[in-house]
Amino acid sequence: MGTSSSRIVNVHEAKTNFSRLIDAAHSGEIIVVAKGGRPWARLVPLEPSSPKRQPGVWSGVITLPPPEVLLEPLPEEELAALDEPLL
């Protein structure tokens, strides 16, 4: 997206030019909408969405142990380590 600049518009101008304003917001501009001369709302660009998950990407790359191994109780030393502070 573009650079982040800001401008203030009144409600009437925002209604008249809404399409242009959301395009400007999408390009990185911050649009402040004023009502009665006071800032009231803000149009800002959305954060980029995270990529969609793709099942099976790691298929053949990693191999998990069978469920019975994953569900075995942890050894005593690992259980004790969980109670220790990290820092």
PDB file of N, CA and C in Angstrom:
ATOM      1  N   MET A   1       0.840  -1.170   0.000  1.00  0.00           N
ATOM      2  CA  MET A   1       0.000   0.000   0.000  1.00  0.00           C
ATOM      3  C   MET A   1       0.887   1.235   0.000  1.00  0.00           C
ATOM      4  N   GLY A   2       0.290   2.407  -0.184  1.00  0.00           N
ATOM      5  CA  GLY A   2       1.061   3.631  -0.345  1.00  0.00           C
ATOM      6  C   GLY A   2       1.538   4.198   0.968  1.00  0.00           C
ATOM      7  N   THR A   3       1.880   5.494   0.927  1.00  0.00           N
ATOM      8  CA  THR A   3       2.347   6.159   2.125  1.00  0.00           C
ATOM      9  C   THR A   3       1.167   6.525   3.001  1.00  0.00           C
ATOM     10  N   SER A   4       1.436   6.775   4.263  1.00  0.00           N
ATOM     11  CA  SER A   4       0.374   7.075   5.209  1.00  0.00           C
ATOM     12  C   SER A   4       0.309   8.572   5.450  1.00  0.00           C
ATOM     13  N   SER A   5      -0.676   9.251   4.832  1.00  0.00           N
ATOM     14  CA  SER A   5      -0.907  10.661   5.091  1.00  0.00           C
ATOM     15  C   SER A   5      -2.325  10.786   5.634  1.00  0.00           C
ATOM     16  N   SER A   6      -2.724  11.987   6.043  1.00  0.00           N
ATOM     17  CA  SER A   6      -4.017  12.156   6.678  1.00  0.00           C
ATOM     18  C   SER A   6      -4.703  13.403   6.145  1.00  0.00           C
ATOM     19  N   ARG A   7      -6.034  13.342   6.037  1.00  0.00           N
ATOM     20  CA  ARG A   7      -6.811  14.535   5.705  1.00  0.00           C
ATOM     21  C   ARG A   7      -8.148  14.467   6.415  1.00  0.00           C
ATOM     22  N   ILE A   8      -8.737  15.631   6.656  1.00  0.00           N
ATOM     23  CA  ILE A   8     -10.026  15.729   7.339  1.00  0.00           C
ATOM     24  C   ILE A   8     -11.077  16.171   6.330  1.00  0.00           C
ATOM     25  N   VAL A   9     -12.212  15.475   6.330  1.00  0.00           N
ATOM     26  CA  VAL A   9     -13.340  15.846   5.476  1.00  0.00           C
ATOM     27  C   VAL A   9     -14.595  15.909   6.343  1.00  0.00           C
ATOM     28  N   ASN A  10     -15.553  16.763   5.941  1.00  0.00           N
ATOM     29  CA  ASN A  10     -16.803  16.809   6.695  1.00  0.00           C
ATOM     30  C   ASN A  10     -17.742  15.716   6.199  1.00  0.00           C
ATOM     31  N   VAL A  11     -18.811  15.467   6.916  1.00  0.00           N
ATOM     32  CA  VAL A  11     -19.733  14.376   6.608  1.00  0.00           C
ATOM     33  C   VAL A  11     -20.312  14.537   5.206  1.00  0.00           C
ATOM     34  N   HIS A  12     -20.716  15.737   4.839  1.00  0.00           N
ATOM     35  CA  HIS A  12     -21.302  15.957   3.513  1.00  0.00           C
ATOM     36  C   HIS A  12     -20.304  15.590   2.413  1.00  0.00           C
ATOM     37  N   GLU A  13     -19.062  16.038   2.560  1.00  0.00           N
ATOM     38  CA  GLU A  13     -18.029  15.699   1.563  1.00  0.00           C
ATOM     39  C   GLU A  13     -17.774  14.195   1.547  1.00  0.00           C
ATOM     40  N   ALA A  14     -17.792  13.568   2.721  1.00  0.00           N
ATOM     41  CA  ALA A  14     -17.567  12.128   2.791  1.00  0.00           C
ATOM     42  C   ALA A  14     -18.682  11.374   2.069  1.00  0.00           C
ATOM     43  N   LYS A  15     -19.948  11.793   2.251  1.00  0.00           N
ATOM     44  CA  LYS A  15     -21.059  11.136   1.565  1.00  0.00           C
ATOM     45  C   LYS A  15     -20.958  11.345   0.054  1.00  0.00           C
ATOM     46  N   THR A  16     -20.583  12.544  -0.360  1.00  0.00           N
ATOM     47  CA  THR A  16     -20.501  12.864  -1.780  1.00  0.00           C
ATOM     48  C   THR A  16     -19.362  12.122  -2.463  1.00  0.00           C
ATOM     49  N   ASN A  17     -18.248  11.951  -1.771  1.00  0.00           N
ATOM     50  CA  ASN A  17     -17.036  11.385  -2.376  1.00  0.00           C
ATOM     51  C   ASN A  17     -16.621  10.067  -1.739  1.00  0.00           C
ATOM     52  N   PHE A  18     -17.578   9.304  -1.221  1.00  0.00           N
ATOM     53  CA  PHE A  18     -17.247   8.105  -0.460  1.00  0.00           C
ATOM     54  C   PHE A  18     -16.371   7.140  -1.253  1.00  0.00           C
ATOM     55  N   SER A  19     -16.715   6.893  -2.498  1.00  0.00           N
ATOM     56  CA  SER A  19     -15.945   5.949  -3.314  1.00  0.00           C
ATOM     57  C   SER A  19     -14.488   6.395  -3.448  1.00  0.00           C
ATOM     58  N   ARG A  20     -14.286   7.678  -3.696  1.00  0.00           N
ATOM     59  CA  ARG A  20     -12.909   8.205  -3.814  1.00  0.00           C
ATOM     60  C   ARG A  20     -12.166   8.099  -2.486  1.00  0.00           C
ATOM     61  N   LEU A  21     -12.900   8.359  -1.393  1.00  0.00           N
ATOM     62  CA  LEU A  21     -12.258   8.322  -0.077  1.00  0.00           C
ATOM     63  C   LEU A  21     -11.839   6.905   0.314  1.00  0.00           C
ATOM     64  N   ILE A  22     -12.674   5.905   0.012  1.00  0.00           N
ATOM     65  CA  ILE A  22     -12.256   4.552   0.369  1.00  0.00           C
ATOM     66  C   ILE A  22     -11.107   4.086  -0.520  1.00  0.00           C
ATOM     67  N   ASP A  23     -11.051   4.572  -1.773  1.00  0.00           N
ATOM     68  CA  ASP A  23      -9.888   4.262  -2.620  1.00  0.00           C
ATOM     69  C   ASP A  23      -8.630   4.895  -2.033  1.00  0.00           C
ATOM     70  N   ALA A  24      -8.757   6.134  -1.535  1.00  0.00           N
ATOM     71  CA  ALA A  24      -7.609   6.812  -0.922  1.00  0.00           C
ATOM     72  C   ALA A  24      -7.167   6.067   0.344  1.00  0.00           C
ATOM     73  N   ALA A  25      -8.147   5.608   1.135  1.00  0.00           N
ATOM     74  CA  ALA A  25      -7.813   4.850   2.348  1.00  0.00           C
ATOM     75  C   ALA A  25      -7.124   3.543   1.979  1.00  0.00           C
ATOM     76  N   HIS A  26      -7.613   2.893   0.939  1.00  0.00           N
ATOM     77  CA  HIS A  26      -6.997   1.644   0.492  1.00  0.00           C
ATOM     78  C   HIS A  26      -5.550   1.876   0.052  1.00  0.00           C
ATOM     79  N   SER A  27      -5.267   3.070  -0.469  1.00  0.00           N
ATOM     80  CA  SER A  27      -3.911   3.407  -0.913  1.00  0.00           C
ATOM     81  C   SER A  27      -3.009   3.821   0.242  1.00  0.00           C
ATOM     82  N   GLY A  28      -3.548   3.866   1.457  1.00  0.00           N
ATOM     83  CA  GLY A  28      -2.722   4.171   2.617  1.00  0.00           C
ATOM     84  C   GLY A  28      -3.036   5.481   3.298  1.00  0.00           C
ATOM     85  N   GLU A  29      -3.895   6.291   2.709  1.00  0.00           N
ATOM     86  CA  GLU A  29      -4.233   7.582   3.317  1.00  0.00           C
ATOM     87  C   GLU A  29      -5.212   7.365   4.463  1.00  0.00           C
ATOM     88  N   ILE A  30      -5.060   8.140   5.514  1.00  0.00           N
ATOM     89  CA  ILE A  30      -5.992   8.094   6.637  1.00  0.00           C
ATOM     90  C   ILE A  30      -6.968   9.246   6.467  1.00  0.00           C
ATOM     91  N   ILE A  31      -8.250   8.938   6.409  1.00  0.00           N
ATOM     92  CA  ILE A  31      -9.287   9.944   6.217  1.00  0.00           C
ATOM     93  C   ILE A  31     -10.033  10.106   7.536  1.00  0.00           C
ATOM     94  N   VAL A  32     -10.038  11.322   8.064  1.00  0.00           N
ATOM     95  CA  VAL A  32     -10.775  11.620   9.284  1.00  0.00           C
ATOM     96  C   VAL A  32     -12.060  12.325   8.867  1.00  0.00           C
ATOM     97  N   VAL A  33     -13.192  11.780   9.295  1.00  0.00           N
ATOM     98  CA  VAL A  33     -14.490  12.381   8.981  1.00  0.00           C
ATOM     99  C   VAL A  33     -14.911  13.224  10.184  1.00  0.00           C
ATOM    100  N   ALA A  34     -15.209  14.490   9.907  1.00  0.00           N
ATOM    101  CA  ALA A  34     -15.592  15.412  10.974  1.00  0.00           C
ATOM    102  C   ALA A  34     -17.097  15.671  10.924  1.00  0.00           C
ATOM    103  N   LYS A  35     -17.681  15.783  12.107  1.00  0.00           N
ATOM    104  CA  LYS A  35     -19.106  16.094  12.229  1.00  0.00           C
ATOM    105  C   LYS A  35     -19.202  17.297  13.152  1.00  0.00           C
ATOM    106  N   GLY A  36     -19.799  18.356  12.636  1.00  0.00           N
ATOM    107  CA  GLY A  36     -19.884  19.587  13.430  1.00  0.00           C
ATOM    108  C   GLY A  36     -18.517  20.170  13.712  1.00  0.00           C
ATOM    109  N   GLY A  37     -17.575  19.951  12.794  1.00  0.00           N
ATOM    110  CA  GLY A  37     -16.234  20.506  12.950  1.00  0.00           C
ATOM    111  C   GLY A  37     -15.326  19.711  13.880  1.00  0.00           C
ATOM    112  N   ARG A  38     -15.828  18.595  14.423  1.00  0.00           N
ATOM    113  CA  ARG A  38     -15.019  17.782  15.337  1.00  0.00           C
ATOM    114  C   ARG A  38     -14.757  16.413  14.722  1.00  0.00           C
ATOM    115  N   PRO A  39     -13.554  15.883  14.856  1.00  0.00           N
ATOM    116  CA  PRO A  39     -13.271  14.547  14.336  1.00  0.00           C
ATOM    117  C   PRO A  39     -14.265  13.536  14.906  1.00  0.00           C
ATOM    118  N   TRP A  40     -14.824  12.695  14.025  1.00  0.00           N
ATOM    119  CA  TRP A  40     -15.895  11.798  14.443  1.00  0.00           C
ATOM    120  C   TRP A  40     -15.597  10.337  14.126  1.00  0.00           C
ATOM    121  N   ALA A  41     -14.965  10.106  12.964  1.00  0.00           N
ATOM    122  CA  ALA A  41     -14.664   8.735  12.549  1.00  0.00           C
ATOM    123  C   ALA A  41     -13.417   8.758  11.680  1.00  0.00           C
ATOM    124  N   ARG A  42     -12.870   7.563  11.428  1.00  0.00           N
ATOM    125  CA  ARG A  42     -11.637   7.473  10.657  1.00  0.00           C
ATOM    126  C   ARG A  42     -11.753   6.340   9.637  1.00  0.00           C
ATOM    127  N   LEU A  43     -11.382   6.620   8.394  1.00  0.00           N
ATOM    128  CA  LEU A  43     -11.242   5.589   7.367  1.00  0.00           C
ATOM    129  C   LEU A  43      -9.758   5.280   7.262  1.00  0.00           C
ATOM    130  N   VAL A  44      -9.400   4.036   7.462  1.00  0.00           N
ATOM    131  CA  VAL A  44      -7.999   3.630   7.394  1.00  0.00           C
ATOM    132  C   VAL A  44      -7.882   2.391   6.518  1.00  0.00           C
ATOM    133  N   PRO A  45      -6.710   2.145   5.958  1.00  0.00           N
ATOM    134  CA  PRO A  45      -6.549   0.926   5.161  1.00  0.00           C
ATOM    135  C   PRO A  45      -6.602  -0.299   6.055  1.00  0.00           C
ATOM    136  N   LEU A  46      -7.140  -1.384   5.514  1.00  0.00           N
ATOM    137  CA  LEU A  46      -7.157  -2.653   6.243  1.00  0.00           C
ATOM    138  C   LEU A  46      -5.769  -3.260   6.260  1.00  0.00           C
ATOM    139  N   GLU A  47      -5.510  -4.024   7.298  1.00  0.00           N
ATOM    140  CA  GLU A  47      -4.264  -4.786   7.358  1.00  0.00           C
ATOM    141  C   GLU A  47      -4.330  -5.871   6.289  1.00  0.00           C
ATOM    142  N   PRO A  48      -3.218  -6.196   5.674  1.00  0.00           N
ATOM    143  CA  PRO A  48      -3.246  -7.285   4.694  1.00  0.00           C
ATOM    144  C   PRO A  48      -3.706  -8.576   5.356  1.00  0.00           C
ATOM    145  N   SER A  49      -4.521  -9.323   4.665  1.00  0.00           N
ATOM    146  CA  SER A  49      -5.019 -10.573   5.237  1.00  0.00           C
ATOM    147  C   SER A  49      -3.920 -11.627   5.214  1.00  0.00           C
ATOM    148  N   SER A  50      -4.018 -12.533   6.169  1.00  0.00           N
ATOM    149  CA  SER A  50      -3.031 -13.609   6.223  1.00  0.00           C
ATOM    150  C   SER A  50      -3.373 -14.645   5.149  1.00  0.00           C
ATOM    151  N   PRO A  51      -2.387 -15.323   4.642  1.00  0.00           N
ATOM    152  CA  PRO A  51      -2.658 -16.308   3.597  1.00  0.00           C
ATOM    153  C   PRO A  51      -3.554 -17.429   4.120  1.00  0.00           C
ATOM    154  N   LYS A  52      -4.362 -17.982   3.243  1.00  0.00           N
ATOM    155  CA  LYS A  52      -5.255 -19.074   3.632  1.00  0.00           C
ATOM    156  C   LYS A  52      -4.436 -20.338   3.882  1.00  0.00           C
ATOM    157  N   ARG A  53      -4.915 -21.129   4.829  1.00  0.00           N
ATOM    158  CA  ARG A  53      -4.246 -22.393   5.138  1.00  0.00           C
ATOM    159  C   ARG A  53      -4.473 -23.374   4.006  1.00  0.00           C
ATOM    160  N   GLN A  54      -3.466 -24.160   3.729  1.00  0.00           N
ATOM    161  CA  GLN A  54      -3.564 -25.183   2.700  1.00  0.00           C
ATOM    162  C   GLN A  54      -3.260 -26.535   3.332  1.00  0.00           C
ATOM    163  N   PRO A  55      -4.307 -27.347   3.531  1.00  0.00           N
ATOM    164  CA  PRO A  55      -4.075 -28.657   4.135  1.00  0.00           C
ATOM    165  C   PRO A  55      -3.139 -29.497   3.275  1.00  0.00           C
ATOM    166  N   GLY A  56      -2.285 -30.251   3.930  1.00  0.00           N
ATOM    167  CA  GLY A  56      -1.402 -31.168   3.220  1.00  0.00           C
ATOM    168  C   GLY A  56      -0.090 -30.577   2.752  1.00  0.00           C
ATOM    169  N   VAL A  57       0.186 -29.322   3.074  1.00  0.00           N
ATOM    170  CA  VAL A  57       1.435 -28.692   2.624  1.00  0.00           C
ATOM    171  C   VAL A  57       2.650 -29.448   3.153  1.00  0.00           C
ATOM    172  N   TRP A  58       2.568 -29.942   4.390  1.00  0.00           N
ATOM    173  CA  TRP A  58       3.701 -30.641   4.994  1.00  0.00           C
ATOM    174  C   TRP A  58       3.664 -32.150   4.740  1.00  0.00           C
ATOM    175  N   SER A  59       2.689 -32.603   3.977  1.00  0.00           N
ATOM    176  CA  SER A  59       2.571 -34.038   3.690  1.00  0.00           C
ATOM    177  C   SER A  59       3.835 -34.538   3.005  1.00  0.00           C
ATOM    178  N   GLY A  60       4.415 -35.590   3.568  1.00  0.00           N
ATOM    179  CA  GLY A  60       5.638 -36.145   3.007  1.00  0.00           C
ATOM    180  C   GLY A  60       6.898 -35.436   3.487  1.00  0.00           C
ATOM    181  N   VAL A  61       6.759 -34.262   4.116  1.00  0.00           N
ATOM    182  CA  VAL A  61       7.911 -33.513   4.608  1.00  0.00           C
ATOM    183  C   VAL A  61       8.205 -33.901   6.051  1.00  0.00           C
ATOM    184  N   ILE A  62       7.162 -33.997   6.853  1.00  0.00           N
ATOM    185  CA  ILE A  62       7.330 -34.418   8.246  1.00  0.00           C
ATOM    186  C   ILE A  62       6.437 -35.632   8.494  1.00  0.00           C
ATOM    187  N   THR A  63       6.808 -36.415   9.471  1.00  0.00           N
ATOM    188  CA  THR A  63       6.018 -37.578   9.850  1.00  0.00           C
ATOM    189  C   THR A  63       5.771 -37.524  11.345  1.00  0.00           C
ATOM    190  N   LEU A  64       4.504 -37.578  11.729  1.00  0.00           N
ATOM    191  CA  LEU A  64       4.152 -37.585  13.143  1.00  0.00           C
ATOM    192  C   LEU A  64       4.143 -39.017  13.652  1.00  0.00           C
ATOM    193  N   PRO A  65       4.479 -39.191  14.930  1.00  0.00           N
ATOM    194  CA  PRO A  65       4.383 -40.525  15.508  1.00  0.00           C
ATOM    195  C   PRO A  65       2.915 -40.946  15.592  1.00  0.00           C
ATOM    196  N   PRO A  66       2.641 -42.210  15.776  1.00  0.00           N
ATOM    197  CA  PRO A  66       1.250 -42.670  15.896  1.00  0.00           C
ATOM    198  C   PRO A  66       0.585 -42.061  17.136  1.00  0.00           C
ATOM    199  N   PRO A  67      -0.752 -41.958  17.132  1.00  0.00           N
ATOM    200  CA  PRO A  67      -1.472 -41.317  18.245  1.00  0.00           C
ATOM    201  C   PRO A  67      -1.138 -41.901  19.613  1.00  0.00           C
ATOM    202  N   GLU A  68      -0.947 -43.211  19.716  1.00  0.00           N
ATOM    203  CA  GLU A  68      -0.663 -43.794  21.044  1.00  0.00           C
ATOM    204  C   GLU A  68       0.658 -43.265  21.608  1.00  0.00           C
ATOM    205  N   VAL A  69       1.616 -42.968  20.762  1.00  0.00           N
ATOM    206  CA  VAL A  69       2.885 -42.397  21.230  1.00  0.00           C
ATOM    207  C   VAL A  69       2.674 -40.942  21.657  1.00  0.00           C
ATOM    208  N   LEU A  70       1.892 -40.184  20.861  1.00  0.00           N
ATOM    209  CA  LEU A  70       1.625 -38.780  21.201  1.00  0.00           C
ATOM    210  C   LEU A  70       0.857 -38.641  22.507  1.00  0.00           C
ATOM    211  N   LEU A  71       0.044 -39.635  22.848  1.00  0.00           N
ATOM    212  CA  LEU A  71      -0.793 -39.561  24.041  1.00  0.00           C
ATOM    213  C   LEU A  71      -0.158 -40.183  25.278  1.00  0.00           C
ATOM    214  N   GLU A  72       1.072 -40.681  25.168  1.00  0.00           N
ATOM    215  CA  GLU A  72       1.759 -41.229  26.341  1.00  0.00           C
ATOM    216  C   GLU A  72       2.033 -40.113  27.348  1.00  0.00           C
ATOM    217  N   PRO A  73       2.008 -40.435  28.652  1.00  0.00           N
ATOM    218  CA  PRO A  73       2.329 -39.417  29.658  1.00  0.00           C
ATOM    219  C   PRO A  73       3.767 -38.922  29.480  1.00  0.00           C
ATOM    220  N   LEU A  74       3.978 -37.658  29.824  1.00  0.00           N
ATOM    221  CA  LEU A  74       5.321 -37.096  29.747  1.00  0.00           C
ATOM    222  C   LEU A  74       6.207 -37.680  30.840  1.00  0.00           C
ATOM    223  N   PRO A  75       7.509 -37.795  30.569  1.00  0.00           N
ATOM    224  CA  PRO A  75       8.428 -38.236  31.625  1.00  0.00           C
ATOM    225  C   PRO A  75       8.432 -37.226  32.776  1.00  0.00           C
ATOM    226  N   GLU A  76       8.777 -37.707  33.980  1.00  0.00           N
ATOM    227  CA  GLU A  76       8.750 -36.867  35.183  1.00  0.00           C
ATOM    228  C   GLU A  76       9.599 -35.597  35.026  1.00  0.00           C
ATOM    229  N   GLU A  77      10.796 -35.720  34.404  1.00  0.00           N
ATOM    230  CA  GLU A  77      11.664 -34.533  34.278  1.00  0.00           C
ATOM    231  C   GLU A  77      11.033 -33.467  33.371  1.00  0.00           C
ATOM    232  N   GLU A  78      10.273 -33.874  32.353  1.00  0.00           N
ATOM    233  CA  GLU A  78       9.602 -32.897  31.492  1.00  0.00           C
ATOM    234  C   GLU A  78       8.428 -32.251  32.219  1.00  0.00           C
ATOM    235  N   LEU A  79       7.702 -33.037  33.017  1.00  0.00           N
ATOM    236  CA  LEU A  79       6.614 -32.481  33.811  1.00  0.00           C
ATOM    237  C   LEU A  79       7.148 -31.470  34.826  1.00  0.00           C
ATOM    238  N   ALA A  80       8.279 -31.771  35.452  1.00  0.00           N
ATOM    239  CA  ALA A  80       8.878 -30.862  36.429  1.00  0.00           C
ATOM    240  C   ALA A  80       9.336 -29.574  35.745  1.00  0.00           C
ATOM    241  N   ALA A  81       9.837 -29.696  34.523  1.00  0.00           N
ATOM    242  CA  ALA A  81      10.313 -28.517  33.791  1.00  0.00           C
ATOM    243  C   ALA A  81       9.169 -27.551  33.470  1.00  0.00           C
ATOM    244  N   LEU A  82       7.940 -28.058  33.353  1.00  0.00           N
ATOM    245  CA  LEU A  82       6.797 -27.190  33.064  1.00  0.00           C
ATOM    246  C   LEU A  82       6.509 -26.244  34.219  1.00  0.00           C
ATOM    247  N   ASP A  83       6.888 -26.605  35.420  1.00  0.00           N
ATOM    248  CA  ASP A  83       6.635 -25.768  36.603  1.00  0.00           C
ATOM    249  C   ASP A  83       7.725 -24.716  36.804  1.00  0.00           C
ATOM    250  N   GLU A  84       8.840 -24.830  36.093  1.00  0.00           N
ATOM    251  CA  GLU A  84       9.945 -23.880  36.250  1.00  0.00           C
ATOM    252  C   GLU A  84       9.669 -22.604  35.450  1.00  0.00           C
ATOM    253  N   PRO A  85      10.098 -21.450  35.979  1.00  0.00           N
ATOM    254  CA  PRO A  85       9.907 -20.199  35.219  1.00  0.00           C
ATOM    255  C   PRO A  85      10.740 -20.204  33.931  1.00  0.00           C
ATOM    256  N   LEU A  86      10.247 -19.532  32.916  1.00  0.00           N
ATOM    257  CA  LEU A  86      10.949 -19.499  31.632  1.00  0.00           C
ATOM    258  C   LEU A  86      12.157 -18.572  31.653  1.00  0.00           C
ATOM    259  N   LEU A  87      12.082 -17.494  32.437  1.00  0.00           N
ATOM    260  CA  LEU A  87      13.194 -16.521  32.472  1.00  0.00           C
ATOM    261  C   LEU A  87      13.994 -16.621  33.727  1.00  0.00           C
TER     262      LEU A  87
END
